[in-house]
PDB file of N, CA and C in Angstrom:
ATOM      1  N   UNK A   1     -12.405  18.369  12.556  1.00  0.00           N
ATOM      2  CA  UNK A   1     -13.435  17.332  12.824  1.00  0.00           C
ATOM      3  C   UNK A   1     -13.977  17.378  14.161  1.00  0.00           C
ATOM      4  N   UNK A   2     -15.283  17.245  14.364  1.00  0.00           N
ATOM      5  CA  UNK A   2     -15.872  17.226  15.624  1.00  0.00           C
ATOM      6  C   UNK A   2     -15.471  16.027  16.463  1.00  0.00           C
ATOM      7  N   UNK A   3     -15.162  16.374  17.770  1.00  0.00           N
ATOM      8  CA  UNK A   3     -14.671  15.153  18.697  1.00  0.00           C
ATOM      9  C   UNK A   3     -15.809  14.078  18.771  1.00  0.00           C
ATOM     10  N   UNK A   4     -17.013  14.427  18.537  1.00  0.00           N
ATOM     11  CA  UNK A   4     -18.112  13.469  18.578  1.00  0.00           C
ATOM     12  C   UNK A   4     -18.042  12.530  17.459  1.00  0.00           C
ATOM     13  N   UNK A   5     -17.590  12.955  16.224  1.00  0.00           N
ATOM     14  CA  UNK A   5     -17.495  12.059  15.069  1.00  0.00           C
ATOM     15  C   UNK A   5     -16.265  11.172  15.056  1.00  0.00           C
ATOM     16  N   UNK A   6     -15.239  11.648  15.808  1.00  0.00           N
ATOM     17  CA  UNK A   6     -13.945  10.895  15.740  1.00  0.00           C
ATOM     18  C   UNK A   6     -14.111   9.301  16.041  1.00  0.00           C
ATOM     19  N   UNK A   7     -14.833   8.940  17.093  1.00  0.00           N
ATOM     20  CA  UNK A   7     -15.011   7.463  17.338  1.00  0.00           C
ATOM     21  C   UNK A   7     -15.684   6.761  16.227  1.00  0.00           C
ATOM     22  N   UNK A   8     -16.644   7.463  15.611  1.00  0.00           N
ATOM     23  CA  UNK A   8     -17.351   6.841  14.469  1.00  0.00           C
ATOM     24  C   UNK A   8     -16.489   6.674  13.288  1.00  0.00           C
ATOM     25  N   UNK A   9     -15.615   7.618  12.966  1.00  0.00           N
ATOM     26  CA  UNK A   9     -14.652   7.561  11.854  1.00  0.00           C
ATOM     27  C   UNK A   9     -13.697   6.428  12.167  1.00  0.00           C
ATOM     28  N   UNK A  10     -13.193   6.362  13.370  1.00  0.00           N
ATOM     29  CA  UNK A  10     -12.133   5.285  13.733  1.00  0.00           C
ATOM     30  C   UNK A  10     -12.651   3.919  13.711  1.00  0.00           C
ATOM     31  N   UNK A  11     -13.956   3.782  14.113  1.00  0.00           N
ATOM     32  CA  UNK A  11     -14.675   2.519  14.076  1.00  0.00           C
ATOM     33  C   UNK A  11     -14.898   2.033  12.619  1.00  0.00           C
ATOM     34  N   UNK A  12     -15.215   3.073  11.717  1.00  0.00           N
ATOM     35  CA  UNK A  12     -15.224   2.626  10.331  1.00  0.00           C
ATOM     36  C   UNK A  12     -13.982   2.224   9.741  1.00  0.00           C
ATOM     37  N   UNK A  13     -12.910   2.838  10.170  1.00  0.00           N
ATOM     38  CA  UNK A  13     -11.609   2.462   9.639  1.00  0.00           C
ATOM     39  C   UNK A  13     -11.211   1.069  10.187  1.00  0.00           C
ATOM     40  N   UNK A  14     -11.582   0.748  11.452  1.00  0.00           N
ATOM     41  CA  UNK A  14     -11.198  -0.606  12.026  1.00  0.00           C
ATOM     42  C   UNK A  14     -12.019  -1.643  11.496  1.00  0.00           C
ATOM     43  N   UNK A  15     -13.280  -1.495  11.068  1.00  0.00           N
ATOM     44  CA  UNK A  15     -14.198  -2.448  10.547  1.00  0.00           C
ATOM     45  C   UNK A  15     -14.140  -2.680   9.057  1.00  0.00           C
ATOM     46  N   UNK A  16     -13.575  -1.686   8.432  1.00  0.00           N
ATOM     47  CA  UNK A  16     -13.519  -1.818   6.965  1.00  0.00           C
ATOM     48  C   UNK A  16     -12.605  -2.968   6.513  1.00  0.00           C
ATOM     49  N   UNK A  17     -13.103  -3.848   5.670  1.00  0.00           N
ATOM     50  CA  UNK A  17     -12.283  -4.899   5.132  1.00  0.00           C
ATOM     51  C   UNK A  17     -11.094  -4.489   4.394  1.00  0.00           C
ATOM     52  N   UNK A  18      -9.954  -5.198   4.406  1.00  0.00           N
ATOM     53  CA  UNK A  18      -8.779  -4.757   3.795  1.00  0.00           C
ATOM     54  C   UNK A  18      -8.994  -4.710   2.228  1.00  0.00           C
ATOM     55  N   UNK A  19      -8.243  -3.786   1.637  1.00  0.00           N
ATOM     56  CA  UNK A  19      -8.303  -3.692   0.223  1.00  0.00           C
ATOM     57  C   UNK A  19      -7.774  -4.841  -0.602  1.00  0.00           C
ATOM     58  N   UNK A  20      -6.815  -5.564   0.037  1.00  0.00           N
ATOM     59  CA  UNK A  20      -6.246  -6.702  -0.529  1.00  0.00           C
ATOM     60  C   UNK A  20      -6.572  -7.957   0.378  1.00  0.00           C
ATOM     61  N   UNK A  21      -7.025  -9.085  -0.234  1.00  0.00           N
ATOM     62  CA  UNK A  21      -7.322 -10.291   0.520  1.00  0.00           C
ATOM     63  C   UNK A  21      -6.538 -11.465  -0.013  1.00  0.00           C
ATOM     64  N   UNK A  22      -6.644 -12.547   0.725  1.00  0.00           N
ATOM     65  CA  UNK A  22      -5.909 -13.739   0.330  1.00  0.00           C
ATOM     66  C   UNK A  22      -6.895 -14.855  -0.059  1.00  0.00           C
ATOM     67  N   UNK A  23      -6.666 -15.488  -1.109  1.00  0.00           N
ATOM     68  CA  UNK A  23      -7.567 -16.576  -1.737  1.00  0.00           C
ATOM     69  C   UNK A  23      -6.705 -17.842  -2.054  1.00  0.00           C
ATOM     70  N   UNK A  24      -7.261 -18.988  -1.646  1.00  0.00           N
ATOM     71  CA  UNK A  24      -6.687 -20.121  -2.049  1.00  0.00           C
ATOM     72  C   UNK A  24      -7.134 -20.425  -3.514  1.00  0.00           C
ATOM     73  N   UNK A  25      -6.267 -20.848  -4.288  1.00  0.00           N
ATOM     74  CA  UNK A  25      -6.613 -21.055  -5.811  1.00  0.00           C
ATOM     75  C   UNK A  25      -7.104 -22.397  -6.078  1.00  0.00           C
ATOM     76  N   UNK A  26      -7.403 -23.178  -5.029  1.00  0.00           N
ATOM     77  CA  UNK A  26      -7.910 -24.569  -5.173  1.00  0.00           C
ATOM     78  C   UNK A  26      -9.254 -24.590  -5.617  1.00  0.00           C
ATOM     79  N   UNK A  27      -9.736 -25.592  -6.290  1.00  0.00           N
ATOM     80  CA  UNK A  27     -11.114 -25.617  -6.801  1.00  0.00           C
ATOM     81  C   UNK A  27     -12.213 -25.662  -5.826  1.00  0.00           C
ATOM     82  N   UNK A  28     -11.947 -26.117  -4.562  1.00  0.00           N
ATOM     83  CA  UNK A  28     -12.939 -26.084  -3.457  1.00  0.00           C
ATOM     84  C   UNK A  28     -13.016 -24.888  -2.764  1.00  0.00           C
ATOM     85  N   UNK A  29     -12.186 -23.975  -2.933  1.00  0.00           N
ATOM     86  CA  UNK A  29     -12.062 -22.689  -2.233  1.00  0.00           C
ATOM     87  C   UNK A  29     -13.282 -21.915  -2.402  1.00  0.00           C
ATOM     88  N   UNK A  30     -13.838 -21.305  -1.334  1.00  0.00           N
ATOM     89  CA  UNK A  30     -15.009 -20.523  -1.341  1.00  0.00           C
ATOM     90  C   UNK A  30     -14.967 -19.172  -0.714  1.00  0.00           C
ATOM     91  N   UNK A  31     -13.860 -18.914   0.037  1.00  0.00           N
ATOM     92  CA  UNK A  31     -13.818 -17.710   0.826  1.00  0.00           C
ATOM     93  C   UNK A  31     -12.479 -16.970   0.579  1.00  0.00           C
ATOM     94  N   UNK A  32     -12.575 -15.647   0.930  1.00  0.00           N
ATOM     95  CA  UNK A  32     -11.333 -14.865   1.039  1.00  0.00           C
ATOM     96  C   UNK A  32     -11.003 -14.505   2.408  1.00  0.00           C
ATOM     97  N   UNK A  33      -9.717 -14.220   2.766  1.00  0.00           N
ATOM     98  CA  UNK A  33      -9.276 -14.156   3.995  1.00  0.00           C
ATOM     99  C   UNK A  33      -8.603 -12.795   4.205  1.00  0.00           C
ATOM    100  N   UNK A  34      -8.589 -12.241   5.446  1.00  0.00           N
ATOM    101  CA  UNK A  34      -7.897 -10.942   5.742  1.00  0.00           C
ATOM    102  C   UNK A  34      -6.482 -11.060   5.986  1.00  0.00           C
ATOM    103  N   UNK A  35      -6.028 -12.297   6.215  1.00  0.00           N
ATOM    104  CA  UNK A  35      -4.497 -12.461   6.398  1.00  0.00           C
ATOM    105  C   UNK A  35      -4.108 -13.832   5.930  1.00  0.00           C
ATOM    106  N   UNK A  36      -2.912 -14.026   5.482  1.00  0.00           N
ATOM    107  CA  UNK A  36      -2.433 -15.212   5.013  1.00  0.00           C
ATOM    108  C   UNK A  36      -2.162 -16.279   6.122  1.00  0.00           C
ATOM    109  N   UNK A  37      -2.353 -15.886   7.228  1.00  0.00           N
ATOM    110  CA  UNK A  37      -2.082 -16.758   8.418  1.00  0.00           C
ATOM    111  C   UNK A  37      -3.479 -17.356   8.993  1.00  0.00           C
ATOM    112  N   UNK A  38      -4.514 -17.082   8.300  1.00  0.00           N
ATOM    113  CA  UNK A  38      -5.782 -17.587   8.767  1.00  0.00           C
ATOM    114  C   UNK A  38      -5.791 -19.099   8.798  1.00  0.00           C
ATOM    115  N   UNK A  39      -6.564 -19.718   9.794  1.00  0.00           N
ATOM    116  CA  UNK A  39      -6.652 -21.190   9.907  1.00  0.00           C
ATOM    117  C   UNK A  39      -7.277 -21.749   8.683  1.00  0.00           C
ATOM    118  N   UNK A  40      -8.237 -20.909   7.998  1.00  0.00           N
ATOM    119  CA  UNK A  40      -8.955 -21.456   6.954  1.00  0.00           C
ATOM    120  C   UNK A  40      -8.044 -21.796   5.699  1.00  0.00           C
ATOM    121  N   UNK A  41      -6.924 -21.078   5.630  1.00  0.00           N
ATOM    122  CA  UNK A  41      -5.984 -21.388   4.553  1.00  0.00           C
ATOM    123  C   UNK A  41      -5.097 -22.512   4.849  1.00  0.00           C
ATOM    124  N   UNK A  42      -5.135 -23.108   5.978  1.00  0.00           N
ATOM    125  CA  UNK A  42      -4.212 -24.249   6.352  1.00  0.00           C
ATOM    126  C   UNK A  42      -4.392 -25.415   5.435  1.00  0.00           C
ATOM    127  N   UNK A  43      -5.652 -25.635   5.030  1.00  0.00           N
ATOM    128  CA  UNK A  43      -6.005 -26.790   4.214  1.00  0.00           C
ATOM    129  C   UNK A  43      -5.769 -26.510   2.660  1.00  0.00           C
ATOM    130  N   UNK A  44      -5.323 -25.303   2.327  1.00  0.00           N
ATOM    131  CA  UNK A  44      -5.103 -25.011   0.921  1.00  0.00           C
ATOM    132  C   UNK A  44      -3.922 -25.828   0.301  1.00  0.00           C
ATOM    133  N   UNK A  45      -4.233 -26.605  -0.718  1.00  0.00           N
ATOM    134  CA  UNK A  45      -3.092 -27.389  -1.361  1.00  0.00           C
ATOM    135  C   UNK A  45      -2.631 -26.707  -2.626  1.00  0.00           C
ATOM    136  N   UNK A  46      -3.137 -25.592  -2.960  1.00  0.00           N
ATOM    137  CA  UNK A  46      -2.740 -24.874  -4.068  1.00  0.00           C
ATOM    138  C   UNK A  46      -2.068 -23.597  -3.735  1.00  0.00           C
ATOM    139  N   UNK A  47      -1.799 -22.665  -4.537  1.00  0.00           N
ATOM    140  CA  UNK A  47      -1.227 -21.388  -4.373  1.00  0.00           C
ATOM    141  C   UNK A  47      -2.211 -20.459  -3.606  1.00  0.00           C
ATOM    142  N   UNK A  48      -1.826 -19.722  -2.564  1.00  0.00           N
ATOM    143  CA  UNK A  48      -2.559 -18.670  -2.062  1.00  0.00           C
ATOM    144  C   UNK A  48      -2.127 -17.352  -2.734  1.00  0.00           C
ATOM    145  N   UNK A  49      -3.138 -16.644  -3.277  1.00  0.00           N
ATOM    146  CA  UNK A  49      -2.935 -15.429  -3.982  1.00  0.00           C
ATOM    147  C   UNK A  49      -3.341 -14.276  -3.254  1.00  0.00           C
ATOM    148  N   UNK A  50      -2.690 -13.064  -3.355  1.00  0.00           N
ATOM    149  CA  UNK A  50      -3.152 -11.854  -2.741  1.00  0.00           C
ATOM    150  C   UNK A  50      -3.882 -11.002  -3.852  1.00  0.00           C
ATOM    151  N   UNK A  51      -5.127 -10.760  -3.626  1.00  0.00           N
ATOM    152  CA  UNK A  51      -6.039 -10.096  -4.722  1.00  0.00           C
ATOM    153  C   UNK A  51      -6.685  -8.956  -4.157  1.00  0.00           C
ATOM    154  N   UNK A  52      -7.117  -8.074  -5.006  1.00  0.00           N
ATOM    155  CA  UNK A  52      -8.033  -6.973  -4.542  1.00  0.00           C
ATOM    156  C   UNK A  52      -9.280  -7.587  -4.088  1.00  0.00           C
ATOM    157  N   UNK A  53      -9.994  -7.171  -2.912  1.00  0.00           N
ATOM    158  CA  UNK A  53     -11.170  -7.719  -2.449  1.00  0.00           C
ATOM    159  C   UNK A  53     -12.322  -7.809  -3.540  1.00  0.00           C
ATOM    160  N   UNK A  54     -12.377  -6.735  -4.394  1.00  0.00           N
ATOM    161  CA  UNK A  54     -13.445  -6.829  -5.336  1.00  0.00           C
ATOM    162  C   UNK A  54     -13.220  -7.989  -6.357  1.00  0.00           C
ATOM    163  N   UNK A  55     -12.016  -8.230  -6.707  1.00  0.00           N
ATOM    164  CA  UNK A  55     -11.699  -9.318  -7.676  1.00  0.00           C
ATOM    165  C   UNK A  55     -12.024 -10.669  -7.016  1.00  0.00           C
ATOM    166  N   UNK A  56     -11.833 -10.916  -5.751  1.00  0.00           N
ATOM    167  CA  UNK A  56     -12.080 -12.103  -5.012  1.00  0.00           C
ATOM    168  C   UNK A  56     -13.664 -12.280  -5.050  1.00  0.00           C
ATOM    169  N   UNK A  57     -14.326 -11.151  -4.844  1.00  0.00           N
ATOM    170  CA  UNK A  57     -15.799 -11.309  -4.792  1.00  0.00           C
ATOM    171  C   UNK A  57     -16.316 -11.592  -6.230  1.00  0.00           C
ATOM    172  N   UNK A  58     -15.673 -11.071  -7.253  1.00  0.00           N
ATOM    173  CA  UNK A  58     -16.123 -11.466  -8.604  1.00  0.00           C
ATOM    174  C   UNK A  58     -15.962 -12.913  -8.967  1.00  0.00           C
ATOM    175  N   UNK A  59     -14.878 -13.497  -8.310  1.00  0.00           N
ATOM    176  CA  UNK A  59     -14.675 -14.883  -8.465  1.00  0.00           C
ATOM    177  C   UNK A  59     -15.593 -15.729  -7.633  1.00  0.00           C
ATOM    178  N   UNK A  60     -16.477 -15.147  -6.965  1.00  0.00           N
ATOM    179  CA  UNK A  60     -17.513 -15.874  -6.123  1.00  0.00           C
ATOM    180  C   UNK A  60     -17.144 -16.115  -4.748  1.00  0.00           C
ATOM    181  N   UNK A  61     -16.030 -15.582  -4.290  1.00  0.00           N
ATOM    182  CA  UNK A  61     -15.559 -15.809  -2.876  1.00  0.00           C
ATOM    183  C   UNK A  61     -16.335 -14.977  -1.907  1.00  0.00           C
ATOM    184  N   UNK A  62     -16.540 -15.469  -0.850  1.00  0.00           N
ATOM    185  CA  UNK A  62     -17.286 -14.727   0.257  1.00  0.00           C
ATOM    186  C   UNK A  62     -16.248 -14.520   1.514  1.00  0.00           C
ATOM    187  N   UNK A  63     -16.614 -13.585   2.384  1.00  0.00           N
ATOM    188  CA  UNK A  63     -15.676 -13.392   3.475  1.00  0.00           C
ATOM    189  C   UNK A  63     -15.482 -14.654   4.402  1.00  0.00           C
ATOM    190  N   UNK A  64     -14.361 -14.871   4.852  1.00  0.00           N
ATOM    191  CA  UNK A  64     -14.130 -16.010   5.710  1.00  0.00           C
ATOM    192  C   UNK A  64     -14.764 -15.859   7.032  1.00  0.00           C
ATOM    193  N   UNK A  65     -15.414 -16.818   7.584  1.00  0.00           N
ATOM    194  CA  UNK A  65     -16.091 -16.759   8.828  1.00  0.00           C
ATOM    195  C   UNK A  65     -15.149 -16.437  10.031  1.00  0.00           C
ATOM    196  N   UNK A  66     -13.957 -16.901   9.845  1.00  0.00           N
ATOM    197  CA  UNK A  66     -12.921 -16.743  10.992  1.00  0.00           C
ATOM    198  C   UNK A  66     -12.489 -15.287  10.936  1.00  0.00           C
ATOM    199  N   UNK A  67     -12.074 -14.881   9.778  1.00  0.00           N
ATOM    200  CA  UNK A  67     -11.470 -13.553   9.588  1.00  0.00           C
ATOM    201  C   UNK A  67     -12.359 -12.382   9.857  1.00  0.00           C
ATOM    202  N   UNK A  68     -13.717 -12.567   9.498  1.00  0.00           N
ATOM    203  CA  UNK A  68     -14.622 -11.462   9.497  1.00  0.00           C
ATOM    204  C   UNK A  68     -15.825 -11.770  10.332  1.00  0.00           C
ATOM    205  N   UNK A  69     -15.462 -12.235  11.586  1.00  0.00           N
ATOM    206  CA  UNK A  69     -16.529 -12.479  12.594  1.00  0.00           C
ATOM    207  C   UNK A  69     -17.055 -11.115  13.059  1.00  0.00           C
ATOM    208  N   UNK A  70     -18.376 -11.101  13.342  1.00  0.00           N
ATOM    209  CA  UNK A  70     -18.877  -9.883  13.879  1.00  0.00           C
ATOM    210  C   UNK A  70     -19.231 -10.023  15.331  1.00  0.00           C
TER     211      UNK A  70
END
């Protein structure tokens, strides 16, 4: 691999969302989280589930604003 491409490849790996995410199973939940320690899950009164990101998105969840800041 060209040394010029290496930073771009590494950046893509670092910015890629995780394959598994965390979702509060409460009825008011609207986001998925990169870690189970996110502040956004502190208010969850139901079970926190670890799911594939694609499944969380199918459930209508969007990325957490704290976990996925740009």
